[in-house]
Amino acid sequence: MRPFVEELVFLLAGTVWYWVDRDKNAVDWDFDSWTQRFDRSAFRYDNNAFSVNWTFHPLSGSAYYGFARANDLHTGWSFLYGFMTSFAWEWLLEFKERVSIN
């Protein structure tokens, strides 16, 4: 249960940053409605700054996996935690942007 709570706290912190720093994040906002999320054009390579795509995205992804591993979960379960947390971020919490495939 602890890795689940840690993942939620990490996602909550990211969500707060996403909405508080609107000036920086609104540049990437592409969608006006949820229905646009289910169109083929909703998927693309992320157009964030180099530092975000090549530093912060990999660190976040490894943290999702690392929280689970630090709590003694098997690598398979840790992969699932990382995948589901990334999925929740891209599809649910970052809903104003296109889904990043990188």
PDB file of N, CA and C in Angstrom:
ATOM      1  N   MET A   1       0.824  -1.201   0.000  1.00  0.00           N
ATOM      2  CA  MET A   1       0.000   0.000   0.000  1.00  0.00           C
ATOM      3  C   MET A   1       0.869   1.266   0.000  1.00  0.00           C
ATOM      4  N   ARG A   2       2.025   1.195   0.653  1.00  0.00           N
ATOM      5  CA  ARG A   2       2.880   2.381   0.734  1.00  0.00           C
ATOM      6  C   ARG A   2       3.334   2.880  -0.639  1.00  0.00           C
ATOM      7  N   PRO A   3       3.766   1.996  -1.580  1.00  0.00           N
ATOM      8  CA  PRO A   3       4.160   2.531  -2.888  1.00  0.00           C
ATOM      9  C   PRO A   3       3.003   3.228  -3.603  1.00  0.00           C
ATOM     10  N   PHE A   4       1.789   2.726  -3.424  1.00  0.00           N
ATOM     11  CA  PHE A   4       0.617   3.353  -4.035  1.00  0.00           C
ATOM     12  C   PHE A   4       0.435   4.772  -3.505  1.00  0.00           C
ATOM     13  N   VAL A   5       0.570   4.936  -2.192  1.00  0.00           N
ATOM     14  CA  VAL A   5       0.430   6.260  -1.572  1.00  0.00           C
ATOM     15  C   VAL A   5       1.556   7.186  -2.044  1.00  0.00           C
ATOM     16  N   GLU A   6       2.779   6.661  -2.125  1.00  0.00           N
ATOM     17  CA  GLU A   6       3.908   7.474  -2.587  1.00  0.00           C
ATOM     18  C   GLU A   6       3.700   7.930  -4.025  1.00  0.00           C
ATOM     19  N   GLU A   7       3.190   7.041  -4.873  1.00  0.00           N
ATOM     20  CA  GLU A   7       2.908   7.417  -6.266  1.00  0.00           C
ATOM     21  C   GLU A   7       1.846   8.508  -6.326  1.00  0.00           C
ATOM     22  N   LEU A   8       0.810   8.368  -5.499  1.00  0.00           N
ATOM     23  CA  LEU A   8      -0.249   9.391  -5.475  1.00  0.00           C
ATOM     24  C   LEU A   8       0.284  10.745  -5.029  1.00  0.00           C
ATOM     25  N   VAL A   9       1.147  10.753  -4.022  1.00  0.00           N
ATOM     26  CA  VAL A   9       1.731  12.009  -3.549  1.00  0.00           C
ATOM     27  C   VAL A   9       2.586  12.640  -4.647  1.00  0.00           C
ATOM     28  N   PHE A  10       3.358  11.818  -5.339  1.00  0.00           N
ATOM     29  CA  PHE A  10       4.193  12.309  -6.439  1.00  0.00           C
ATOM     30  C   PHE A  10       3.318  12.889  -7.557  1.00  0.00           C
ATOM     31  N   LEU A  11       2.242  12.188  -7.900  1.00  0.00           N
ATOM     32  CA  LEU A  11       1.324  12.695  -8.919  1.00  0.00           C
ATOM     33  C   LEU A  11       0.625  13.977  -8.459  1.00  0.00           C
ATOM     34  N   LEU A  12       0.261  14.030  -7.204  1.00  0.00           N
ATOM     35  CA  LEU A  12      -0.376  15.232  -6.666  1.00  0.00           C
ATOM     36  C   LEU A  12       0.570  16.427  -6.748  1.00  0.00           C
ATOM     37  N   ALA A  13       1.828  16.226  -6.398  1.00  0.00           N
ATOM     38  CA  ALA A  13       2.807  17.315  -6.485  1.00  0.00           C
ATOM     39  C   ALA A  13       2.951  17.792  -7.930  1.00  0.00           C
ATOM     40  N   GLY A  14       3.005  16.863  -8.875  1.00  0.00           N
ATOM     41  CA  GLY A  14       3.085  17.227 -10.287  1.00  0.00           C
ATOM     42  C   GLY A  14       1.853  17.962 -10.763  1.00  0.00           C
ATOM     43  N   THR A  15       0.702  17.542 -10.289  1.00  0.00           N
ATOM     44  CA  THR A  15      -0.554  18.180 -10.682  1.00  0.00           C
ATOM     45  C   THR A  15      -0.633  19.600 -10.135  1.00  0.00           C
ATOM     46  N   VAL A  16      -0.227  19.779  -8.897  1.00  0.00           N
ATOM     47  CA  VAL A  16      -0.207  21.134  -8.313  1.00  0.00           C
ATOM     48  C   VAL A  16       0.719  22.027  -9.124  1.00  0.00           C
ATOM     49  N   TRP A  17       1.934  21.542  -9.449  1.00  0.00           N
ATOM     50  CA  TRP A  17       2.861  22.318 -10.275  1.00  0.00           C
ATOM     51  C   TRP A  17       2.246  22.636 -11.641  1.00  0.00           C
ATOM     52  N   TYR A  18       1.580  21.652 -12.230  1.00  0.00           N
ATOM     53  CA  TYR A  18       0.987  21.813 -13.563  1.00  0.00           C
ATOM     54  C   TYR A  18      -0.020  22.957 -13.598  1.00  0.00           C
ATOM     55  N   TRP A  19      -0.804  23.113 -12.542  1.00  0.00           N
ATOM     56  CA  TRP A  19      -1.836  24.151 -12.520  1.00  0.00           C
ATOM     57  C   TRP A  19      -1.354  25.457 -11.905  1.00  0.00           C
ATOM     58  N   VAL A  20      -0.413  25.414 -10.985  1.00  0.00           N
ATOM     59  CA  VAL A  20       0.093  26.640 -10.365  1.00  0.00           C
ATOM     60  C   VAL A  20       0.975  27.417 -11.336  1.00  0.00           C
ATOM     61  N   ASP A  21       1.825  26.713 -12.077  1.00  0.00           N
ATOM     62  CA  ASP A  21       2.727  27.355 -13.034  1.00  0.00           C
ATOM     63  C   ASP A  21       2.065  27.411 -14.419  1.00  0.00           C
ATOM     64  N   ARG A  22       0.891  27.999 -14.461  1.00  0.00           N
ATOM     65  CA  ARG A  22       0.089  28.018 -15.688  1.00  0.00           C
ATOM     66  C   ARG A  22       0.783  28.730 -16.846  1.00  0.00           C
ATOM     67  N   ASP A  23       1.508  29.795 -16.579  1.00  0.00           N
ATOM     68  CA  ASP A  23       2.155  30.540 -17.659  1.00  0.00           C
ATOM     69  C   ASP A  23       3.116  29.662 -18.448  1.00  0.00           C
ATOM     70  N   LYS A  24       3.876  28.836 -17.748  1.00  0.00           N
ATOM     71  CA  LYS A  24       4.830  27.960 -18.417  1.00  0.00           C
ATOM     72  C   LYS A  24       4.137  26.760 -19.056  1.00  0.00           C
ATOM     73  N   ASN A  25       3.136  26.200 -18.398  1.00  0.00           N
ATOM     74  CA  ASN A  25       2.495  24.984 -18.892  1.00  0.00           C
ATOM     75  C   ASN A  25       1.424  25.236 -19.936  1.00  0.00           C
ATOM     76  N   ALA A  26       0.778  26.373 -19.903  1.00  0.00           N
ATOM     77  CA  ALA A  26      -0.311  26.652 -20.846  1.00  0.00           C
ATOM     78  C   ALA A  26       0.180  26.721 -22.288  1.00  0.00           C
ATOM     79  N   VAL A  27       1.467  26.929 -22.480  1.00  0.00           N
ATOM     80  CA  VAL A  27       2.028  26.963 -23.831  1.00  0.00           C
ATOM     81  C   VAL A  27       1.768  25.645 -24.550  1.00  0.00           C
ATOM     82  N   ASP A  28       1.758  24.535 -23.811  1.00  0.00           N
ATOM     83  CA  ASP A  28       1.577  23.201 -24.388  1.00  0.00           C
ATOM     84  C   ASP A  28       0.121  22.768 -24.470  1.00  0.00           C
ATOM     85  N   TRP A  29      -0.802  23.547 -23.939  1.00  0.00           N
ATOM     86  CA  TRP A  29      -2.194  23.118 -23.891  1.00  0.00           C
ATOM     87  C   TRP A  29      -2.804  23.166 -25.279  1.00  0.00           C
ATOM     88  N   ASP A  30      -3.284  22.005 -25.730  1.00  0.00           N
ATOM     89  CA  ASP A  30      -3.783  21.843 -27.086  1.00  0.00           C
ATOM     90  C   ASP A  30      -5.285  21.608 -27.165  1.00  0.00           C
ATOM     91  N   PHE A  31      -5.882  21.068 -26.118  1.00  0.00           N
ATOM     92  CA  PHE A  31      -7.241  20.562 -26.214  1.00  0.00           C
ATOM     93  C   PHE A  31      -8.242  21.393 -25.421  1.00  0.00           C
ATOM     94  N   ASP A  32      -9.428  21.460 -25.973  1.00  0.00           N
ATOM     95  CA  ASP A  32     -10.527  22.144 -25.298  1.00  0.00           C
ATOM     96  C   ASP A  32     -11.503  21.163 -24.663  1.00  0.00           C
ATOM     97  N   SER A  33     -11.507  19.908 -25.131  1.00  0.00           N
ATOM     98  CA  SER A  33     -12.491  18.948 -24.619  1.00  0.00           C
ATOM     99  C   SER A  33     -11.875  17.557 -24.485  1.00  0.00           C
ATOM    100  N   TRP A  34     -12.540  16.711 -23.691  1.00  0.00           N
ATOM    101  CA  TRP A  34     -12.104  15.328 -23.494  1.00  0.00           C
ATOM    102  C   TRP A  34     -12.216  14.497 -24.758  1.00  0.00           C
ATOM    103  N   THR A  35     -13.182  14.789 -25.617  1.00  0.00           N
ATOM    104  CA  THR A  35     -13.376  13.959 -26.812  1.00  0.00           C
ATOM    105  C   THR A  35     -12.173  14.004 -27.741  1.00  0.00           C
ATOM    106  N   GLN A  36     -11.414  15.081 -27.718  1.00  0.00           N
ATOM    107  CA  GLN A  36     -10.231  15.174 -28.562  1.00  0.00           C
ATOM    108  C   GLN A  36      -9.133  14.213 -28.122  1.00  0.00           C
ATOM    109  N   ARG A  37      -9.215  13.700 -26.910  1.00  0.00           N
ATOM    110  CA  ARG A  37      -8.206  12.759 -26.417  1.00  0.00           C
ATOM    111  C   ARG A  37      -8.267  11.415 -27.135  1.00  0.00           C
ATOM    112  N   PHE A  38      -9.355  11.126 -27.797  1.00  0.00           N
ATOM    113  CA  PHE A  38      -9.547   9.811 -28.406  1.00  0.00           C
ATOM    114  C   PHE A  38      -9.419   9.835 -29.920  1.00  0.00           C
ATOM    115  N   ASP A  39      -8.774  10.851 -30.424  1.00  0.00           N
ATOM    116  CA  ASP A  39      -8.516  10.989 -31.851  1.00  0.00           C
ATOM    117  C   ASP A  39      -7.047  10.614 -32.104  1.00  0.00           C
ATOM    118  N   ARG A  40      -6.753  10.121 -33.281  1.00  0.00           N
ATOM    119  CA  ARG A  40      -5.389   9.731 -33.620  1.00  0.00           C
ATOM    120  C   ARG A  40      -4.416  10.904 -33.485  1.00  0.00           C
ATOM    121  N   SER A  41      -4.884  12.106 -33.732  1.00  0.00           N
ATOM    122  CA  SER A  41      -4.015  13.275 -33.643  1.00  0.00           C
ATOM    123  C   SER A  41      -3.645  13.629 -32.202  1.00  0.00           C
ATOM    124  N   ALA A  42      -4.210  12.935 -31.232  1.00  0.00           N
ATOM    125  CA  ALA A  42      -3.914  13.215 -29.821  1.00  0.00           C
ATOM    126  C   ALA A  42      -2.537  12.702 -29.413  1.00  0.00           C
ATOM    127  N   PHE A  43      -1.894  11.905 -30.247  1.00  0.00           N
ATOM    128  CA  PHE A  43      -0.598  11.315 -29.918  1.00  0.00           C
ATOM    129  C   PHE A  43       0.502  11.993 -30.717  1.00  0.00           C
ATOM    130  N   ARG A  44       1.577  12.353 -30.042  1.00  0.00           N
ATOM    131  CA  ARG A  44       2.708  12.993 -30.715  1.00  0.00           C
ATOM    132  C   ARG A  44       3.917  12.973 -29.792  1.00  0.00           C
ATOM    133  N   TYR A  45       5.071  13.336 -30.347  1.00  0.00           N
ATOM    134  CA  TYR A  45       6.242  13.548 -29.504  1.00  0.00           C
ATOM    135  C   TYR A  45       6.045  14.848 -28.748  1.00  0.00           C
ATOM    136  N   ASP A  46       6.415  14.851 -27.495  1.00  0.00           N
ATOM    137  CA  ASP A  46       6.237  16.014 -26.643  1.00  0.00           C
ATOM    138  C   ASP A  46       7.098  17.170 -27.143  1.00  0.00           C
ATOM    139  N   ASN A  47       6.541  18.362 -27.105  1.00  0.00           N
ATOM    140  CA  ASN A  47       7.269  19.534 -27.591  1.00  0.00           C
ATOM    141  C   ASN A  47       7.761  20.427 -26.450  1.00  0.00           C
ATOM    142  N   ASN A  48       7.952  19.841 -25.277  1.00  0.00           N
ATOM    143  CA  ASN A  48       8.492  20.616 -24.157  1.00  0.00           C
ATOM    144  C   ASN A  48       9.943  21.001 -24.430  1.00  0.00           C
ATOM    145  N   ALA A  49      10.458  21.870 -23.588  1.00  0.00           N
ATOM    146  CA  ALA A  49      11.847  22.290 -23.700  1.00  0.00           C
ATOM    147  C   ALA A  49      12.787  21.092 -23.538  1.00  0.00           C
ATOM    148  N   PHE A  50      13.982  21.223 -24.073  1.00  0.00           N
ATOM    149  CA  PHE A  50      14.978  20.156 -24.014  1.00  0.00           C
ATOM    150  C   PHE A  50      15.204  19.684 -22.584  1.00  0.00           C
ATOM    151  N   SER A  51      15.343  20.625 -21.646  1.00  0.00           N
ATOM    152  CA  SER A  51      15.613  20.242 -20.255  1.00  0.00           C
ATOM    153  C   SER A  51      14.482  19.414 -19.660  1.00  0.00           C
ATOM    154  N   VAL A  52      13.256  19.689 -20.045  1.00  0.00           N
ATOM    155  CA  VAL A  52      12.114  18.929 -19.536  1.00  0.00           C
ATOM    156  C   VAL A  52      12.099  17.530 -20.141  1.00  0.00           C
ATOM    157  N   ASN A  53      12.218  17.448 -21.466  1.00  0.00           N
ATOM    158  CA  ASN A  53      12.136  16.150 -22.144  1.00  0.00           C
ATOM    159  C   ASN A  53      13.315  15.237 -21.844  1.00  0.00           C
ATOM    160  N   TRP A  54      14.499  15.788 -21.679  1.00  0.00           N
ATOM    161  CA  TRP A  54      15.683  14.955 -21.536  1.00  0.00           C
ATOM    162  C   TRP A  54      16.184  14.845 -20.104  1.00  0.00           C
ATOM    163  N   THR A  55      15.603  15.596 -19.180  1.00  0.00           N
ATOM    164  CA  THR A  55      16.022  15.506 -17.781  1.00  0.00           C
ATOM    165  C   THR A  55      14.851  15.141 -16.880  1.00  0.00           C
ATOM    166  N   PHE A  56      13.845  15.978 -16.858  1.00  0.00           N
ATOM    167  CA  PHE A  56      12.760  15.794 -15.900  1.00  0.00           C
ATOM    168  C   PHE A  56      11.836  14.626 -16.235  1.00  0.00           C
ATOM    169  N   HIS A  57      11.542  14.396 -17.512  1.00  0.00           N
ATOM    170  CA  HIS A  57      10.698  13.244 -17.858  1.00  0.00           C
ATOM    171  C   HIS A  57      11.365  11.918 -17.484  1.00  0.00           C
ATOM    172  N   PRO A  58      12.638  11.710 -17.830  1.00  0.00           N
ATOM    173  CA  PRO A  58      13.272  10.448 -17.411  1.00  0.00           C
ATOM    174  C   PRO A  58      13.373  10.306 -15.891  1.00  0.00           C
ATOM    175  N   LEU A  59      13.634  11.408 -15.191  1.00  0.00           N
ATOM    176  CA  LEU A  59      13.714  11.331 -13.733  1.00  0.00           C
ATOM    177  C   LEU A  59      12.358  10.983 -13.126  1.00  0.00           C
ATOM    178  N   SER A  60      11.303  11.566 -13.662  1.00  0.00           N
ATOM    179  CA  SER A  60       9.956  11.250 -13.157  1.00  0.00           C
ATOM    180  C   SER A  60       9.614   9.793 -13.420  1.00  0.00           C
ATOM    181  N   GLY A  61       9.880   9.329 -14.636  1.00  0.00           N
ATOM    182  CA  GLY A  61       9.580   7.940 -14.969  1.00  0.00           C
ATOM    183  C   GLY A  61      10.357   6.962 -14.110  1.00  0.00           C
ATOM    184  N   SER A  62      11.630   7.253 -13.866  1.00  0.00           N
ATOM    185  CA  SER A  62      12.415   6.351 -13.024  1.00  0.00           C
ATOM    186  C   SER A  62      11.976   6.439 -11.564  1.00  0.00           C
ATOM    187  N   ALA A  63      11.473   7.597 -11.139  1.00  0.00           N
ATOM    188  CA  ALA A  63      10.969   7.720  -9.768  1.00  0.00           C
ATOM    189  C   ALA A  63       9.719   6.867  -9.583  1.00  0.00           C
ATOM    190  N   TYR A  64       8.828   6.845 -10.584  1.00  0.00           N
ATOM    191  CA  TYR A  64       7.628   6.005 -10.491  1.00  0.00           C
ATOM    192  C   TYR A  64       8.024   4.547 -10.253  1.00  0.00           C
ATOM    193  N   TYR A  65       8.984   4.081 -11.022  1.00  0.00           N
ATOM    194  CA  TYR A  65       9.476   2.711 -10.877  1.00  0.00           C
ATOM    195  C   TYR A  65      10.237   2.553  -9.560  1.00  0.00           C
ATOM    196  N   GLY A  66      11.059   3.534  -9.235  1.00  0.00           N
ATOM    197  CA  GLY A  66      11.905   3.459  -8.054  1.00  0.00           C
ATOM    198  C   GLY A  66      11.131   3.427  -6.746  1.00  0.00           C
ATOM    199  N   PHE A  67      10.016   4.151  -6.656  1.00  0.00           N
ATOM    200  CA  PHE A  67       9.201   4.115  -5.439  1.00  0.00           C
ATOM    201  C   PHE A  67       8.725   2.692  -5.159  1.00  0.00           C
ATOM    202  N   ALA A  68       8.316   2.018  -6.195  1.00  0.00           N
ATOM    203  CA  ALA A  68       7.838   0.644  -6.015  1.00  0.00           C
ATOM    204  C   ALA A  68       8.986  -0.286  -5.635  1.00  0.00           C
ATOM    205  N   ARG A  69      10.132  -0.154  -6.309  1.00  0.00           N
ATOM    206  CA  ARG A  69      11.283  -1.011  -5.989  1.00  0.00           C
ATOM    207  C   ARG A  69      11.803  -0.743  -4.585  1.00  0.00           C
ATOM    208  N   ALA A  70      11.793   0.521  -4.162  1.00  0.00           N
ATOM    209  CA  ALA A  70      12.271   0.874  -2.816  1.00  0.00           C
ATOM    210  C   ALA A  70      11.393   0.260  -1.734  1.00  0.00           C
ATOM    211  N   ASN A  71      10.181  -0.123  -2.104  1.00  0.00           N
ATOM    212  CA  ASN A  71       9.268  -0.771  -1.155  1.00  0.00           C
ATOM    213  C   ASN A  71       9.234  -2.278  -1.347  1.00  0.00           C
ATOM    214  N   ASP A  72      10.305  -2.818  -1.933  1.00  0.00           N
ATOM    215  CA  ASP A  72      10.511  -4.260  -2.092  1.00  0.00           C
ATOM    216  C   ASP A  72       9.508  -4.952  -2.998  1.00  0.00           C
ATOM    217  N   LEU A  73       8.944  -4.215  -3.951  1.00  0.00           N
ATOM    218  CA  LEU A  73       8.077  -4.872  -4.926  1.00  0.00           C
ATOM    219  C   LEU A  73       8.936  -5.509  -6.013  1.00  0.00           C
ATOM    220  N   HIS A  74       8.451  -6.597  -6.558  1.00  0.00           N
ATOM    221  CA  HIS A  74       9.112  -7.314  -7.646  1.00  0.00           C
ATOM    222  C   HIS A  74       9.228  -6.387  -8.860  1.00  0.00           C
ATOM    223  N   THR A  75      10.188  -6.678  -9.733  1.00  0.00           N
ATOM    224  CA  THR A  75      10.389  -5.816 -10.907  1.00  0.00           C
ATOM    225  C   THR A  75       9.142  -5.749 -11.786  1.00  0.00           C
ATOM    226  N   GLY A  76       8.410  -6.843 -11.899  1.00  0.00           N
ATOM    227  CA  GLY A  76       7.188  -6.826 -12.705  1.00  0.00           C
ATOM    228  C   GLY A  76       6.128  -5.896 -12.134  1.00  0.00           C
ATOM    229  N   TRP A  77       5.931  -5.989 -10.814  1.00  0.00           N
ATOM    230  CA  TRP A  77       4.972  -5.090 -10.168  1.00  0.00           C
ATOM    231  C   TRP A  77       5.447  -3.644 -10.236  1.00  0.00           C
ATOM    232  N   SER A  78       6.739  -3.439 -10.097  1.00  0.00           N
ATOM    233  CA  SER A  78       7.294  -2.089 -10.168  1.00  0.00           C
ATOM    234  C   SER A  78       7.094  -1.502 -11.560  1.00  0.00           C
ATOM    235  N   PHE A  79       7.297  -2.338 -12.590  1.00  0.00           N
ATOM    236  CA  PHE A  79       7.041  -1.885 -13.959  1.00  0.00           C
ATOM    237  C   PHE A  79       5.575  -1.484 -14.111  1.00  0.00           C
ATOM    238  N   LEU A  80       4.679  -2.293 -13.564  1.00  0.00           N
ATOM    239  CA  LEU A  80       3.248  -1.983 -13.651  1.00  0.00           C
ATOM    240  C   LEU A  80       2.925  -0.677 -12.929  1.00  0.00           C
ATOM    241  N   TYR A  81       3.499  -0.463 -11.762  1.00  0.00           N
ATOM    242  CA  TYR A  81       3.315   0.802 -11.043  1.00  0.00           C
ATOM    243  C   TYR A  81       3.793   1.972 -11.893  1.00  0.00           C
ATOM    244  N   GLY A  82       4.987   1.842 -12.461  1.00  0.00           N
ATOM    245  CA  GLY A  82       5.533   2.911 -13.300  1.00  0.00           C
ATOM    246  C   GLY A  82       4.676   3.173 -14.518  1.00  0.00           C
ATOM    247  N   PHE A  83       4.236   2.101 -15.170  1.00  0.00           N
ATOM    248  CA  PHE A  83       3.397   2.248 -16.356  1.00  0.00           C
ATOM    249  C   PHE A  83       2.066   2.914 -16.017  1.00  0.00           C
ATOM    250  N   MET A  84       1.419   2.448 -14.968  1.00  0.00           N
ATOM    251  CA  MET A  84       0.107   2.989 -14.607  1.00  0.00           C
ATOM    252  C   MET A  84       0.202   4.441 -14.126  1.00  0.00           C
ATOM    253  N   THR A  85       1.264   4.781 -13.421  1.00  0.00           N
ATOM    254  CA  THR A  85       1.442   6.159 -12.982  1.00  0.00           C
ATOM    255  C   THR A  85       1.676   7.070 -14.181  1.00  0.00           C
ATOM    256  N   SER A  86       2.508   6.630 -15.120  1.00  0.00           N
ATOM    257  CA  SER A  86       2.729   7.414 -16.344  1.00  0.00           C
ATOM    258  C   SER A  86       1.433   7.553 -17.144  1.00  0.00           C
ATOM    259  N   PHE A  87       0.695   6.460 -17.216  1.00  0.00           N
ATOM    260  CA  PHE A  87      -0.591   6.485 -17.923  1.00  0.00           C
ATOM    261  C   PHE A  87      -1.541   7.477 -17.264  1.00  0.00           C
ATOM    262  N   ALA A  88      -1.624   7.450 -15.932  1.00  0.00           N
ATOM    263  CA  ALA A  88      -2.508   8.372 -15.209  1.00  0.00           C
ATOM    264  C   ALA A  88      -2.100   9.812 -15.464  1.00  0.00           C
ATOM    265  N   TRP A  89      -0.799  10.071 -15.486  1.00  0.00           N
ATOM    266  CA  TRP A  89      -0.339  11.437 -15.729  1.00  0.00           C
ATOM    267  C   TRP A  89      -0.703  11.880 -17.149  1.00  0.00           C
ATOM    268  N   GLU A  90      -0.352  11.084 -18.142  1.00  0.00           N
ATOM    269  CA  GLU A  90      -0.560  11.483 -19.535  1.00  0.00           C
ATOM    270  C   GLU A  90      -2.038  11.552 -19.919  1.00  0.00           C
ATOM    271  N   TRP A  91      -2.848  10.620 -19.466  1.00  0.00           N
ATOM    272  CA  TRP A  91      -4.236  10.542 -19.903  1.00  0.00           C
ATOM    273  C   TRP A  91      -5.220  11.289 -19.012  1.00  0.00           C
ATOM    274  N   LEU A  92      -4.934  11.334 -17.718  1.00  0.00           N
ATOM    275  CA  LEU A  92      -5.920  11.908 -16.801  1.00  0.00           C
ATOM    276  C   LEU A  92      -5.528  13.280 -16.271  1.00  0.00           C
ATOM    277  N   LEU A  93      -4.317  13.413 -15.787  1.00  0.00           N
ATOM    278  CA  LEU A  93      -3.934  14.641 -15.102  1.00  0.00           C
ATOM    279  C   LEU A  93      -3.422  15.726 -16.052  1.00  0.00           C
ATOM    280  N   GLU A  94      -2.784  15.330 -17.118  1.00  0.00           N
ATOM    281  CA  GLU A  94      -2.259  16.278 -18.099  1.00  0.00           C
ATOM    282  C   GLU A  94      -3.207  16.338 -19.312  1.00  0.00           C
ATOM    283  N   PHE A  95      -4.487  16.388 -19.023  1.00  0.00           N
ATOM    284  CA  PHE A  95      -5.495  16.239 -20.070  1.00  0.00           C
ATOM    285  C   PHE A  95      -5.573  17.406 -21.029  1.00  0.00           C
ATOM    286  N   LYS A  96      -4.959  18.523 -20.711  1.00  0.00           N
ATOM    287  CA  LYS A  96      -5.005  19.682 -21.604  1.00  0.00           C
ATOM    288  C   LYS A  96      -3.995  19.553 -22.746  1.00  0.00           C
ATOM    289  N   GLU A  97      -3.146  18.540 -22.689  1.00  0.00           N
ATOM    290  CA  GLU A  97      -2.096  18.368 -23.708  1.00  0.00           C
ATOM    291  C   GLU A  97      -2.307  17.083 -24.482  1.00  0.00           C
ATOM    292  N   ARG A  98      -1.643  17.015 -25.617  1.00  0.00           N
ATOM    293  CA  ARG A  98      -1.643  15.776 -26.388  1.00  0.00           C
ATOM    294  C   ARG A  98      -0.865  14.715 -25.610  1.00  0.00           C
ATOM    295  N   VAL A  99      -1.154  13.466 -25.879  1.00  0.00           N
ATOM    296  CA  VAL A  99      -0.488  12.364 -25.196  1.00  0.00           C
ATOM    297  C   VAL A  99       0.917  12.217 -25.772  1.00  0.00           C
ATOM    298  N   SER A 100       1.893  12.300 -24.900  1.00  0.00           N
ATOM    299  CA  SER A 100       3.291  12.200 -25.320  1.00  0.00           C
ATOM    300  C   SER A 100       3.667  10.736 -25.517  1.00  0.00           C
ATOM    301  N   ILE A 101       4.308  10.439 -26.640  1.00  0.00           N
ATOM    302  CA  ILE A 101       4.736   9.076 -26.888  1.00  0.00           C
ATOM    303  C   ILE A 101       6.225   8.894 -26.599  1.00  0.00           C
ATOM    304  N   ASN A 102       6.893   9.947 -26.179  1.00  0.00           N
ATOM    305  CA  ASN A 102       8.311   9.798 -25.868  1.00  0.00           C
ATOM    306  C   ASN A 102       8.544   9.725 -24.377  1.00  0.00           C
TER     307      ASN A 102
END
